Amino acid sequence: CEASGRIFSRNWMGWYRQAPGKQRELVARISTGGSTFYADSVK
């Protein structure tokens, strides 16, 4: 996922996914400081 410099530097970024018949869920995210979070299903 490539972002503009402004977006990349000022925001948290992450991945969501939505499967057929399922609600959207957060898969993983990374902060501007580099800390990460993962959903239990993908950890």
PDB file of all heavy atoms in Angstrom:
ATOM      1  N   CYS A   1       0.853  -1.176   0.000  1.00  0.00           N
ATOM      2  CA  CYS A   1       0.000   0.000   0.000  1.00  0.00           C
ATOM      3  C   CYS A   1       0.891   1.229   0.000  1.00  0.00           C
ATOM      4  O   CYS A   1       1.584   1.500   0.986  1.00  0.00           O
ATOM      5  CB  CYS A   1      -0.931  -0.001   1.213  1.00  0.00           C
ATOM      6  SG  CYS A   1      -1.957   1.480   1.364  1.00  0.00           S
ATOM      7  N   GLU A   2       0.862   1.942  -1.108  1.00  0.00           N
ATOM      8  CA  GLU A   2       1.671   3.145  -1.240  1.00  0.00           C
ATOM      9  C   GLU A   2       0.807   4.372  -0.973  1.00  0.00           C
ATOM     10  O   GLU A   2      -0.276   4.513  -1.541  1.00  0.00           O
ATOM     11  CB  GLU A   2       2.288   3.229  -2.629  1.00  0.00           C
ATOM     12  CG  GLU A   2       3.214   4.417  -2.813  1.00  0.00           C
ATOM     13  CD  GLU A   2       3.854   4.461  -4.181  1.00  0.00           C
ATOM     14  OE1 GLU A   2       3.570   3.572  -4.999  1.00  0.00           O
ATOM     15  OE2 GLU A   2       4.641   5.393  -4.439  1.00  0.00           O
ATOM     16  N   ALA A   3       1.297   5.246  -0.127  1.00  0.00           N
ATOM     17  CA  ALA A   3       0.560   6.436   0.262  1.00  0.00           C
ATOM     18  C   ALA A   3       1.351   7.691  -0.075  1.00  0.00           C
ATOM     19  O   ALA A   3       2.558   7.641  -0.342  1.00  0.00           O
ATOM     20  CB  ALA A   3       0.246   6.411   1.752  1.00  0.00           C
ATOM     21  N   SER A   4       0.668   8.810  -0.064  1.00  0.00           N
ATOM     22  CA  SER A   4       1.357  10.083  -0.189  1.00  0.00           C
ATOM     23  C   SER A   4       2.193  10.321   1.058  1.00  0.00           C
ATOM     24  O   SER A   4       1.969   9.728   2.110  1.00  0.00           O
ATOM     25  CB  SER A   4       0.364  11.219  -0.383  1.00  0.00           C
ATOM     26  OG  SER A   4      -0.342  11.481   0.815  1.00  0.00           O
ATOM     27  N   GLY A   5       3.169  11.190   0.932  1.00  0.00           N
ATOM     28  CA  GLY A   5       4.021  11.478   2.067  1.00  0.00           C
ATOM     29  C   GLY A   5       3.259  12.014   3.258  1.00  0.00           C
ATOM     30  O   GLY A   5       3.533  11.651   4.402  1.00  0.00           O
ATOM     31  N   ARG A   6       2.291  12.884   3.003  1.00  0.00           N
ATOM     32  CA  ARG A   6       1.514  13.465   4.082  1.00  0.00           C
ATOM     33  C   ARG A   6       0.698  12.407   4.798  1.00  0.00           C
ATOM     34  O   ARG A   6       0.664  12.357   6.029  1.00  0.00           O
ATOM     35  CB  ARG A   6       0.610  14.565   3.544  1.00  0.00           C
ATOM     36  CG  ARG A   6      -0.284  15.200   4.597  1.00  0.00           C
ATOM     37  CD  ARG A   6      -1.106  16.327   4.017  1.00  0.00           C
ATOM     38  NE  ARG A   6      -0.269  17.431   3.561  1.00  0.00           N
ATOM     39  CZ  ARG A   6      -0.726  18.517   2.969  1.00  0.00           C
ATOM     40  NH1 ARG A   6      -2.024  18.658   2.745  1.00  0.00           N
ATOM     41  NH2 ARG A   6       0.123  19.478   2.585  1.00  0.00           N
ATOM     42  N   ILE A   7       0.022  11.567   4.049  1.00  0.00           N
ATOM     43  CA  ILE A   7      -0.790  10.517   4.646  1.00  0.00           C
ATOM     44  C   ILE A   7       0.077   9.533   5.416  1.00  0.00           C
ATOM     45  O   ILE A   7      -0.238   9.131   6.535  1.00  0.00           O
ATOM     46  CB  ILE A   7      -1.616   9.791   3.574  1.00  0.00           C
ATOM     47  CG1 ILE A   7      -2.691  10.727   3.013  1.00  0.00           C
ATOM     48  CG2 ILE A   7      -2.253   8.527   4.141  1.00  0.00           C
ATOM     49  CD1 ILE A   7      -3.487  10.127   1.870  1.00  0.00           C
ATOM     50  N   PHE A   8       1.187   9.159   4.819  1.00  0.00           N
ATOM     51  CA  PHE A   8       2.031   8.150   5.414  1.00  0.00           C
ATOM     52  C   PHE A   8       2.632   8.618   6.735  1.00  0.00           C
ATOM     53  O   PHE A   8       2.716   7.849   7.693  1.00  0.00           O
ATOM     54  CB  PHE A   8       3.144   7.758   4.441  1.00  0.00           C
ATOM     55  CG  PHE A   8       3.907   6.535   4.836  1.00  0.00           C
ATOM     56  CD1 PHE A   8       3.448   5.273   4.509  1.00  0.00           C
ATOM     57  CD2 PHE A   8       5.093   6.653   5.545  1.00  0.00           C
ATOM     58  CE1 PHE A   8       4.155   4.142   4.863  1.00  0.00           C
ATOM     59  CE2 PHE A   8       5.807   5.527   5.912  1.00  0.00           C
ATOM     60  CZ  PHE A   8       5.337   4.262   5.573  1.00  0.00           C
ATOM     61  N   SER A   9       3.033   9.845   6.794  1.00  0.00           N
ATOM     62  CA  SER A   9       3.738  10.350   7.963  1.00  0.00           C
ATOM     63  C   SER A   9       2.815  10.754   9.100  1.00  0.00           C
ATOM     64  O   SER A   9       3.233  10.738  10.263  1.00  0.00           O
ATOM     65  CB  SER A   9       4.631  11.530   7.581  1.00  0.00           C
ATOM     66  OG  SER A   9       3.858  12.622   7.112  1.00  0.00           O
ATOM     67  N   ARG A  10       1.576  11.104   8.798  1.00  0.00           N
ATOM     68  CA  ARG A  10       0.690  11.669   9.796  1.00  0.00           C
ATOM     69  C   ARG A  10      -0.379  10.711  10.302  1.00  0.00           C
ATOM     70  O   ARG A  10      -1.140  11.076  11.211  1.00  0.00           O
ATOM     71  CB  ARG A  10       0.002  12.918   9.239  1.00  0.00           C
ATOM     72  CG  ARG A  10       0.965  14.054   8.918  1.00  0.00           C
ATOM     73  CD  ARG A  10       0.235  15.219   8.294  1.00  0.00           C
ATOM     74  NE  ARG A  10      -0.722  15.822   9.213  1.00  0.00           N
ATOM     75  CZ  ARG A  10      -0.435  16.788  10.073  1.00  0.00           C
ATOM     76  NH1 ARG A  10       0.802  17.259  10.159  1.00  0.00           N
ATOM     77  NH2 ARG A  10      -1.386  17.274  10.863  1.00  0.00           N
ATOM     78  N   ASN A  11      -0.458   9.519   9.767  1.00  0.00           N
ATOM     79  CA  ASN A  11      -1.567   8.637  10.071  1.00  0.00           C
ATOM     80  C   ASN A  11      -1.118   7.236  10.465  1.00  0.00           C
ATOM     81  O   ASN A  11      -0.058   6.766  10.049  1.00  0.00           O
ATOM     82  CB  ASN A  11      -2.507   8.519   8.872  1.00  0.00           C
ATOM     83  CG  ASN A  11      -3.249   9.801   8.583  1.00  0.00           C
ATOM     84  OD1 ASN A  11      -4.227  10.115   9.262  1.00  0.00           O
ATOM     85  ND2 ASN A  11      -2.786  10.538   7.579  1.00  0.00           N
ATOM     86  N   TRP A  12      -1.947   6.616  11.267  1.00  0.00           N
ATOM     87  CA  TRP A  12      -1.892   5.182  11.412  1.00  0.00           C
ATOM     88  C   TRP A  12      -2.274   4.559  10.070  1.00  0.00           C
ATOM     89  O   TRP A  12      -3.078   5.109   9.322  1.00  0.00           O
ATOM     90  CB  TRP A  12      -2.883   4.690  12.465  1.00  0.00           C
ATOM     91  CG  TRP A  12      -2.685   5.236  13.841  1.00  0.00           C
ATOM     92  CD1 TRP A  12      -3.056   6.464  14.311  1.00  0.00           C
ATOM     93  CD2 TRP A  12      -2.100   4.548  14.947  1.00  0.00           C
ATOM     94  NE1 TRP A  12      -2.725   6.583  15.637  1.00  0.00           N
ATOM     95  CE2 TRP A  12      -2.147   5.417  16.057  1.00  0.00           C
ATOM     96  CE3 TRP A  12      -1.551   3.277  15.110  1.00  0.00           C
ATOM     97  CZ2 TRP A  12      -1.654   5.049  17.314  1.00  0.00           C
ATOM     98  CZ3 TRP A  12      -1.059   2.912  16.364  1.00  0.00           C
ATOM     99  CH2 TRP A  12      -1.117   3.805  17.440  1.00  0.00           C
ATOM    100  N   MET A  13      -1.738   3.400   9.795  1.00  0.00           N
ATOM    101  CA  MET A  13      -2.084   2.690   8.577  1.00  0.00           C
ATOM    102  C   MET A  13      -2.328   1.227   8.893  1.00  0.00           C
ATOM    103  O   MET A  13      -1.732   0.679   9.825  1.00  0.00           O
ATOM    104  CB  MET A  13      -0.991   2.828   7.519  1.00  0.00           C
ATOM    105  CG  MET A  13      -0.758   4.252   7.051  1.00  0.00           C
ATOM    106  SD  MET A  13       0.419   4.370   5.692  1.00  0.00           S
ATOM    107  CE  MET A  13      -0.500   3.531   4.393  1.00  0.00           C
ATOM    108  N   GLY A  14      -3.202   0.628   8.124  1.00  0.00           N
ATOM    109  CA  GLY A  14      -3.495  -0.768   8.366  1.00  0.00           C
ATOM    110  C   GLY A  14      -4.284  -1.394   7.241  1.00  0.00           C
ATOM    111  O   GLY A  14      -4.597  -0.760   6.237  1.00  0.00           O
ATOM    112  N   TRP A  15      -4.572  -2.656   7.441  1.00  0.00           N
ATOM    113  CA  TRP A  15      -5.324  -3.441   6.471  1.00  0.00           C
ATOM    114  C   TRP A  15      -6.607  -3.955   7.090  1.00  0.00           C
ATOM    115  O   TRP A  15      -6.598  -4.514   8.199  1.00  0.00           O
ATOM    116  CB  TRP A  15      -4.503  -4.634   5.973  1.00  0.00           C
ATOM    117  CG  TRP A  15      -3.340  -4.258   5.127  1.00  0.00           C
ATOM    118  CD1 TRP A  15      -2.057  -4.059   5.534  1.00  0.00           C
ATOM    119  CD2 TRP A  15      -3.355  -4.041   3.710  1.00  0.00           C
ATOM    120  NE1 TRP A  15      -1.266  -3.731   4.467  1.00  0.00           N
ATOM    121  CE2 TRP A  15      -2.032  -3.716   3.332  1.00  0.00           C
ATOM    122  CE3 TRP A  15      -4.345  -4.089   2.735  1.00  0.00           C
ATOM    123  CZ2 TRP A  15      -1.686  -3.437   2.015  1.00  0.00           C
ATOM    124  CZ3 TRP A  15      -4.001  -3.811   1.429  1.00  0.00           C
ATOM    125  CH2 TRP A  15      -2.690  -3.494   1.085  1.00  0.00           C
ATOM    126  N   TYR A  16      -7.689  -3.751   6.380  1.00  0.00           N
ATOM    127  CA  TYR A  16      -8.963  -4.362   6.686  1.00  0.00           C
ATOM    128  C   TYR A  16      -9.276  -5.391   5.612  1.00  0.00           C
ATOM    129  O   TYR A  16      -8.766  -5.322   4.497  1.00  0.00           O
ATOM    130  CB  TYR A  16     -10.082  -3.327   6.730  1.00  0.00           C
ATOM    131  CG  TYR A  16     -10.067  -2.444   7.953  1.00  0.00           C
ATOM    132  CD1 TYR A  16      -9.209  -1.356   8.043  1.00  0.00           C
ATOM    133  CD2 TYR A  16     -10.927  -2.691   9.021  1.00  0.00           C
ATOM    134  CE1 TYR A  16      -9.192  -0.541   9.161  1.00  0.00           C
ATOM    135  CE2 TYR A  16     -10.928  -1.883  10.141  1.00  0.00           C
ATOM    136  CZ  TYR A  16     -10.057  -0.811  10.209  1.00  0.00           C
ATOM    137  OH  TYR A  16     -10.059  -0.007  11.323  1.00  0.00           O
ATOM    138  N   ARG A  17     -10.136  -6.321   5.953  1.00  0.00           N
ATOM    139  CA  ARG A  17     -10.589  -7.275   4.957  1.00  0.00           C
ATOM    140  C   ARG A  17     -12.067  -7.561   5.157  1.00  0.00           C
ATOM    141  O   ARG A  17     -12.590  -7.467   6.268  1.00  0.00           O
ATOM    142  CB  ARG A  17      -9.788  -8.577   5.006  1.00  0.00           C
ATOM    143  CG  ARG A  17     -10.011  -9.425   6.250  1.00  0.00           C
ATOM    144  CD  ARG A  17      -9.083 -10.629   6.247  1.00  0.00           C
ATOM    145  NE  ARG A  17      -9.294 -11.488   7.408  1.00  0.00           N
ATOM    146  CZ  ARG A  17      -8.524 -12.524   7.719  1.00  0.00           C
ATOM    147  NH1 ARG A  17      -7.481 -12.828   6.946  1.00  0.00           N
ATOM    148  NH2 ARG A  17      -8.788 -13.255   8.794  1.00  0.00           N
ATOM    149  N   GLN A  18     -12.707  -7.907   4.067  1.00  0.00           N
ATOM    150  CA  GLN A  18     -14.110  -8.265   4.113  1.00  0.00           C
ATOM    151  C   GLN A  18     -14.342  -9.459   3.205  1.00  0.00           C
ATOM    152  O   GLN A  18     -14.131  -9.380   1.996  1.00  0.00           O
ATOM    153  CB  GLN A  18     -15.005  -7.102   3.695  1.00  0.00           C
ATOM    154  CG  GLN A  18     -16.482  -7.383   3.898  1.00  0.00           C
ATOM    155  CD  GLN A  18     -17.320  -6.128   3.889  1.00  0.00           C
ATOM    156  OE1 GLN A  18     -16.911  -5.100   3.357  1.00  0.00           O
ATOM    157  NE2 GLN A  18     -18.498  -6.197   4.489  1.00  0.00           N
ATOM    158  N   ALA A  19     -14.757 -10.540   3.814  1.00  0.00           N
ATOM    159  CA  ALA A  19     -15.062 -11.759   3.081  1.00  0.00           C
ATOM    160  C   ALA A  19     -16.543 -11.786   2.740  1.00  0.00           C
ATOM    161  O   ALA A  19     -17.357 -11.126   3.398  1.00  0.00           O
ATOM    162  CB  ALA A  19     -14.680 -12.983   3.909  1.00  0.00           C
ATOM    163  N   PRO A  20     -16.924 -12.547   1.727  1.00  0.00           N
ATOM    164  CA  PRO A  20     -18.340 -12.650   1.378  1.00  0.00           C
ATOM    165  C   PRO A  20     -19.174 -13.107   2.564  1.00  0.00           C
ATOM    166  O   PRO A  20     -18.852 -14.096   3.221  1.00  0.00           O
ATOM    167  CB  PRO A  20     -18.351 -13.690   0.256  1.00  0.00           C
ATOM    168  CG  PRO A  20     -16.994 -13.599  -0.352  1.00  0.00           C
ATOM    169  CD  PRO A  20     -16.073 -13.310   0.799  1.00  0.00           C
ATOM    170  N   GLY A  21     -20.229 -12.366   2.845  1.00  0.00           N
ATOM    171  CA  GLY A  21     -21.108 -12.703   3.945  1.00  0.00           C
ATOM    172  C   GLY A  21     -20.567 -12.379   5.314  1.00  0.00           C
ATOM    173  O   GLY A  21     -21.200 -12.734   6.319  1.00  0.00           O
ATOM    174  N   LYS A  22     -19.423 -11.726   5.386  1.00  0.00           N
ATOM    175  CA  LYS A  22     -18.802 -11.393   6.659  1.00  0.00           C
ATOM    176  C   LYS A  22     -18.685  -9.885   6.808  1.00  0.00           C
ATOM    177  O   LYS A  22     -18.667  -9.143   5.826  1.00  0.00           O
ATOM    178  CB  LYS A  22     -17.417 -12.025   6.772  1.00  0.00           C
ATOM    179  CG  LYS A  22     -17.382 -13.527   6.592  1.00  0.00           C
ATOM    180  CD  LYS A  22     -18.068 -14.246   7.730  1.00  0.00           C
ATOM    181  CE  LYS A  22     -17.928 -15.750   7.589  1.00  0.00           C
ATOM    182  NZ  LYS A  22     -18.589 -16.477   8.705  1.00  0.00           N
ATOM    183  N   GLN A  23     -18.587  -9.441   8.048  1.00  0.00           N
ATOM    184  CA  GLN A  23     -18.373  -8.027   8.289  1.00  0.00           C
ATOM    185  C   GLN A  23     -16.898  -7.680   8.138  1.00  0.00           C
ATOM    186  O   GLN A  23     -16.017  -8.540   8.269  1.00  0.00           O
ATOM    187  CB  GLN A  23     -18.882  -7.631   9.678  1.00  0.00           C
ATOM    188  CG  GLN A  23     -18.205  -8.339  10.826  1.00  0.00           C
ATOM    189  CD  GLN A  23     -18.814  -7.969  12.168  1.00  0.00           C
ATOM    190  OE1 GLN A  23     -19.655  -7.080  12.260  1.00  0.00           O
ATOM    191  NE2 GLN A  23     -18.388  -8.643  13.225  1.00  0.00           N
ATOM    192  N   ARG A  24     -16.653  -6.428   7.857  1.00  0.00           N
ATOM    193  CA  ARG A  24     -15.285  -5.966   7.720  1.00  0.00           C
ATOM    194  C   ARG A  24     -14.538  -6.084   9.043  1.00  0.00           C
ATOM    195  O   ARG A  24     -15.090  -5.795  10.114  1.00  0.00           O
ATOM    196  CB  ARG A  24     -15.282  -4.514   7.244  1.00  0.00           C
ATOM    197  CG  ARG A  24     -13.902  -3.972   6.920  1.00  0.00           C
ATOM    198  CD  ARG A  24     -13.981  -2.481   6.627  1.00  0.00           C
ATOM    199  NE  ARG A  24     -14.393  -1.744   7.816  1.00  0.00           N
ATOM    200  CZ  ARG A  24     -14.640  -0.437   7.846  1.00  0.00           C
ATOM    201  NH1 ARG A  24     -14.527   0.286   6.739  1.00  0.00           N
ATOM    202  NH2 ARG A  24     -15.001   0.152   8.985  1.00  0.00           N
ATOM    203  N   GLU A  25     -13.291  -6.486   8.977  1.00  0.00           N
ATOM    204  CA  GLU A  25     -12.498  -6.627  10.179  1.00  0.00           C
ATOM    205  C   GLU A  25     -11.098  -6.067   9.970  1.00  0.00           C
ATOM    206  O   GLU A  25     -10.552  -6.097   8.870  1.00  0.00           O
ATOM    207  CB  GLU A  25     -12.399  -8.100  10.598  1.00  0.00           C
ATOM    208  CG  GLU A  25     -11.691  -8.995   9.596  1.00  0.00           C
ATOM    209  CD  GLU A  25     -11.516 -10.420  10.094  1.00  0.00           C
ATOM    210  OE1 GLU A  25     -11.710 -10.667  11.306  1.00  0.00           O
ATOM    211  OE2 GLU A  25     -11.175 -11.295   9.269  1.00  0.00           O
ATOM    212  N   LEU A  26     -10.545  -5.572  11.054  1.00  0.00           N
ATOM    213  CA  LEU A  26      -9.169  -5.104  11.034  1.00  0.00           C
ATOM    214  C   LEU A  26      -8.234  -6.301  11.088  1.00  0.00           C
ATOM    215  O   LEU A  26      -8.336  -7.144  11.980  1.00  0.00           O
ATOM    216  CB  LEU A  26      -8.905  -4.175  12.216  1.00  0.00           C
ATOM    217  CG  LEU A  26      -7.465  -3.690  12.394  1.00  0.00           C
ATOM    218  CD1 LEU A  26      -7.039  -2.799  11.225  1.00  0.00           C
ATOM    219  CD2 LEU A  26      -7.309  -2.945  13.716  1.00  0.00           C
ATOM    220  N   VAL A  27      -7.324  -6.357  10.145  1.00  0.00           N
ATOM    221  CA  VAL A  27      -6.355  -7.440  10.084  1.00  0.00           C
ATOM    222  C   VAL A  27      -5.086  -7.080  10.841  1.00  0.00           C
ATOM    223  O   VAL A  27      -4.585  -7.862  11.661  1.00  0.00           O
ATOM    224  CB  VAL A  27      -6.022  -7.793   8.624  1.00  0.00           C
ATOM    225  CG1 VAL A  27      -4.967  -8.887   8.558  1.00  0.00           C
ATOM    226  CG2 VAL A  27      -7.287  -8.215   7.880  1.00  0.00           C
ATOM    227  N   ALA A  28      -4.551  -5.928  10.546  1.00  0.00           N
ATOM    228  CA  ALA A  28      -3.320  -5.472  11.166  1.00  0.00           C
ATOM    229  C   ALA A  28      -3.184  -3.978  10.962  1.00  0.00           C
ATOM    230  O   ALA A  28      -3.737  -3.425  10.012  1.00  0.00           O
ATOM    231  CB  ALA A  28      -2.096  -6.196  10.582  1.00  0.00           C
ATOM    232  N   ARG A  29      -2.439  -3.339  11.853  1.00  0.00           N
ATOM    233  CA  ARG A  29      -2.190  -1.918  11.687  1.00  0.00           C
ATOM    234  C   ARG A  29      -0.801  -1.583  12.197  1.00  0.00           C
ATOM    235  O   ARG A  29      -0.211  -2.314  12.993  1.00  0.00           O
ATOM    236  CB  ARG A  29      -3.255  -1.065  12.393  1.00  0.00           C
ATOM    237  CG  ARG A  29      -3.315  -1.227  13.917  1.00  0.00           C
ATOM    238  CD  ARG A  29      -2.349  -0.314  14.619  1.00  0.00           C
ATOM    239  NE  ARG A  29      -2.458  -0.404  16.074  1.00  0.00           N
ATOM    240  CZ  ARG A  29      -1.454  -0.183  16.921  1.00  0.00           C
ATOM    241  NH1 ARG A  29      -0.252   0.152  16.451  1.00  0.00           N
ATOM    242  NH2 ARG A  29      -1.651  -0.280  18.226  1.00  0.00           N
ATOM    243  N   ILE A  30      -0.289  -0.452  11.744  1.00  0.00           N
ATOM    244  CA  ILE A  30       1.014   0.026  12.180  1.00  0.00           C
ATOM    245  C   ILE A  30       0.910   1.514  12.456  1.00  0.00           C
ATOM    246  O   ILE A  30       0.285   2.261  11.703  1.00  0.00           O
ATOM    247  CB  ILE A  30       2.106  -0.297  11.137  1.00  0.00           C
ATOM    248  CG1 ILE A  30       3.492   0.035  11.685  1.00  0.00           C
ATOM    249  CG2 ILE A  30       1.842   0.416   9.816  1.00  0.00           C
ATOM    250  CD1 ILE A  30       4.618  -0.579  10.856  1.00  0.00           C
ATOM    251  N   SER A  31       1.506   1.936  13.543  1.00  0.00           N
ATOM    252  CA  SER A  31       1.464   3.334  13.925  1.00  0.00           C
ATOM    253  C   SER A  31       2.565   4.114  13.230  1.00  0.00           C
ATOM    254  O   SER A  31       3.462   3.550  12.599  1.00  0.00           O
ATOM    255  CB  SER A  31       1.599   3.470  15.442  1.00  0.00           C
ATOM    256  OG  SER A  31       2.921   3.189  15.851  1.00  0.00           O
ATOM    257  N   THR A  32       2.495   5.427  13.361  1.00  0.00           N
ATOM    258  CA  THR A  32       3.554   6.260  12.804  1.00  0.00           C
ATOM    259  C   THR A  32       4.890   5.975  13.473  1.00  0.00           C
ATOM    260  O   THR A  32       5.943   6.209  12.877  1.00  0.00           O
ATOM    261  CB  THR A  32       3.208   7.746  12.953  1.00  0.00           C
ATOM    262  OG1 THR A  32       2.888   8.031  14.323  1.00  0.00           O
ATOM    263  CG2 THR A  32       2.021   8.106  12.068  1.00  0.00           C
ATOM    264  N   GLY A  33       4.853   5.476  14.708  1.00  0.00           N
ATOM    265  CA  GLY A  33       6.066   5.103  15.406  1.00  0.00           C
ATOM    266  C   GLY A  33       6.552   3.704  15.116  1.00  0.00           C
ATOM    267  O   GLY A  33       7.617   3.314  15.598  1.00  0.00           O
ATOM    268  N   GLY A  34       5.779   2.938  14.355  1.00  0.00           N
ATOM    269  CA  GLY A  34       6.210   1.616  13.950  1.00  0.00           C
ATOM    270  C   GLY A  34       5.680   0.472  14.791  1.00  0.00           C
ATOM    271  O   GLY A  34       6.012  -0.687  14.517  1.00  0.00           O
ATOM    272  N   SER A  35       4.879   0.758  15.799  1.00  0.00           N
ATOM    273  CA  SER A  35       4.299  -0.319  16.585  1.00  0.00           C
ATOM    274  C   SER A  35       3.186  -0.993  15.800  1.00  0.00           C
ATOM    275  O   SER A  35       2.446  -0.339  15.066  1.00  0.00           O
ATOM    276  CB  SER A  35       3.780   0.204  17.919  1.00  0.00           C
ATOM    277  OG  SER A  35       2.733   1.140  17.716  1.00  0.00           O
ATOM    278  N   THR A  36       3.064  -2.287  15.963  1.00  0.00           N
ATOM    279  CA  THR A  36       2.114  -3.064  15.174  1.00  0.00           C
ATOM    280  C   THR A  36       1.092  -3.760  16.047  1.00  0.00           C
ATOM    281  O   THR A  36       1.320  -4.029  17.226  1.00  0.00           O
ATOM    282  CB  THR A  36       2.831  -4.114  14.314  1.00  0.00           C
ATOM    283  OG1 THR A  36       3.670  -4.918  15.151  1.00  0.00           O
ATOM    284  CG2 THR A  36       3.680  -3.443  13.250  1.00  0.00           C
ATOM    285  N   PHE A  37      -0.030  -4.042  15.441  1.00  0.00           N
ATOM    286  CA  PHE A  37      -1.100  -4.806  16.057  1.00  0.00           C
ATOM    287  C   PHE A  37      -1.623  -5.796  15.031  1.00  0.00           C
ATOM    288  O   PHE A  37      -1.765  -5.460  13.851  1.00  0.00           O
ATOM    289  CB  PHE A  37      -2.237  -3.891  16.523  1.00  0.00           C
ATOM    290  CG  PHE A  37      -3.492  -4.628  16.886  1.00  0.00           C
ATOM    291  CD1 PHE A  37      -3.656  -5.162  18.152  1.00  0.00           C
ATOM    292  CD2 PHE A  37      -4.501  -4.803  15.959  1.00  0.00           C
ATOM    293  CE1 PHE A  37      -4.801  -5.856  18.490  1.00  0.00           C
ATOM    294  CE2 PHE A  37      -5.660  -5.491  16.286  1.00  0.00           C
ATOM    295  CZ  PHE A  37      -5.805  -6.022  17.560  1.00  0.00           C
ATOM    296  N   TYR A  38      -1.933  -6.998  15.497  1.00  0.00           N
ATOM    297  CA  TYR A  38      -2.466  -8.026  14.620  1.00  0.00           C
ATOM    298  C   TYR A  38      -3.711  -8.635  15.233  1.00  0.00           C
ATOM    299  O   TYR A  38      -3.779  -8.853  16.451  1.00  0.00           O
ATOM    300  CB  TYR A  38      -1.455  -9.142  14.386  1.00  0.00           C
ATOM    301  CG  TYR A  38      -0.170  -8.680  13.757  1.00  0.00           C
ATOM    302  CD1 TYR A  38       0.923  -8.332  14.536  1.00  0.00           C
ATOM    303  CD2 TYR A  38      -0.047  -8.598  12.374  1.00  0.00           C
ATOM    304  CE1 TYR A  38       2.106  -7.905  13.958  1.00  0.00           C
ATOM    305  CE2 TYR A  38       1.130  -8.176  11.789  1.00  0.00           C
ATOM    306  CZ  TYR A  38       2.205  -7.829  12.584  1.00  0.00           C
ATOM    307  OH  TYR A  38       3.373  -7.411  12.005  1.00  0.00           O
ATOM    308  N   ALA A  39      -4.671  -8.901  14.388  1.00  0.00           N
ATOM    309  CA  ALA A  39      -5.818  -9.662  14.838  1.00  0.00           C
ATOM    310  C   ALA A  39      -5.372 -11.058  15.247  1.00  0.00           C
ATOM    311  O   ALA A  39      -4.419 -11.613  14.689  1.00  0.00           O
ATOM    312  CB  ALA A  39      -6.869  -9.747  13.728  1.00  0.00           C
ATOM    313  N   ASP A  40      -6.066 -11.624  16.224  1.00  0.00           N
ATOM    314  CA  ASP A  40      -5.691 -12.950  16.695  1.00  0.00           C
ATOM    315  C   ASP A  40      -5.692 -13.985  15.572  1.00  0.00           C
ATOM    316  O   ASP A  40      -4.890 -14.919  15.577  1.00  0.00           O
ATOM    317  CB  ASP A  40      -6.631 -13.399  17.809  1.00  0.00           C
ATOM    318  CG  ASP A  40      -6.409 -12.643  19.106  1.00  0.00           C
ATOM    319  OD1 ASP A  40      -5.339 -12.035  19.273  1.00  0.00           O
ATOM    320  OD2 ASP A  40      -7.316 -12.677  19.967  1.00  0.00           O
ATOM    321  N   SER A  41      -6.578 -13.809  14.617  1.00  0.00           N
ATOM    322  CA  SER A  41      -6.707 -14.780  13.546  1.00  0.00           C
ATOM    323  C   SER A  41      -5.495 -14.825  12.618  1.00  0.00           C
ATOM    324  O   SER A  41      -5.300 -15.823  11.917  1.00  0.00           O
ATOM    325  CB  SER A  41      -7.969 -14.492  12.725  1.00  0.00           C
ATOM    326  OG  SER A  41      -7.919 -13.198  12.158  1.00  0.00           O
ATOM    327  N   VAL A  42      -4.692 -13.770  12.604  1.00  0.00           N
ATOM    328  CA  VAL A  42      -3.542 -13.727  11.706  1.00  0.00           C
ATOM    329  C   VAL A  42      -2.222 -13.643  12.449  1.00  0.00           C
ATOM    330  O   VAL A  42      -1.154 -13.717  11.819  1.00  0.00           O
ATOM    331  CB  VAL A  42      -3.649 -12.553  10.714  1.00  0.00           C
ATOM    332  CG1 VAL A  42      -4.977 -12.590   9.976  1.00  0.00           C
ATOM    333  CG2 VAL A  42      -3.470 -11.222  11.429  1.00  0.00           C
ATOM    334  N   LYS A  43      -2.267 -13.499  13.739  1.00  0.00           N
ATOM    335  CA  LYS A  43      -1.046 -13.356  14.528  1.00  0.00           C
ATOM    336  C   LYS A  43      -0.144 -14.571  14.340  1.00  0.00           C
ATOM    337  O   LYS A  43      -0.592 -15.709  14.413  1.00  0.00           O
ATOM    338  CB  LYS A  43      -1.398 -13.166  16.000  1.00  0.00           C
ATOM    339  CG  LYS A  43      -0.230 -12.755  16.883  1.00  0.00           C
ATOM    340  CD  LYS A  43      -0.701 -12.458  18.305  1.00  0.00           C
ATOM    341  CE  LYS A  43      -1.704 -11.318  18.328  1.00  0.00           C
ATOM    342  NZ  LYS A  43      -2.148 -10.995  19.706  1.00  0.00           N
TER     343      LYS A  43
END
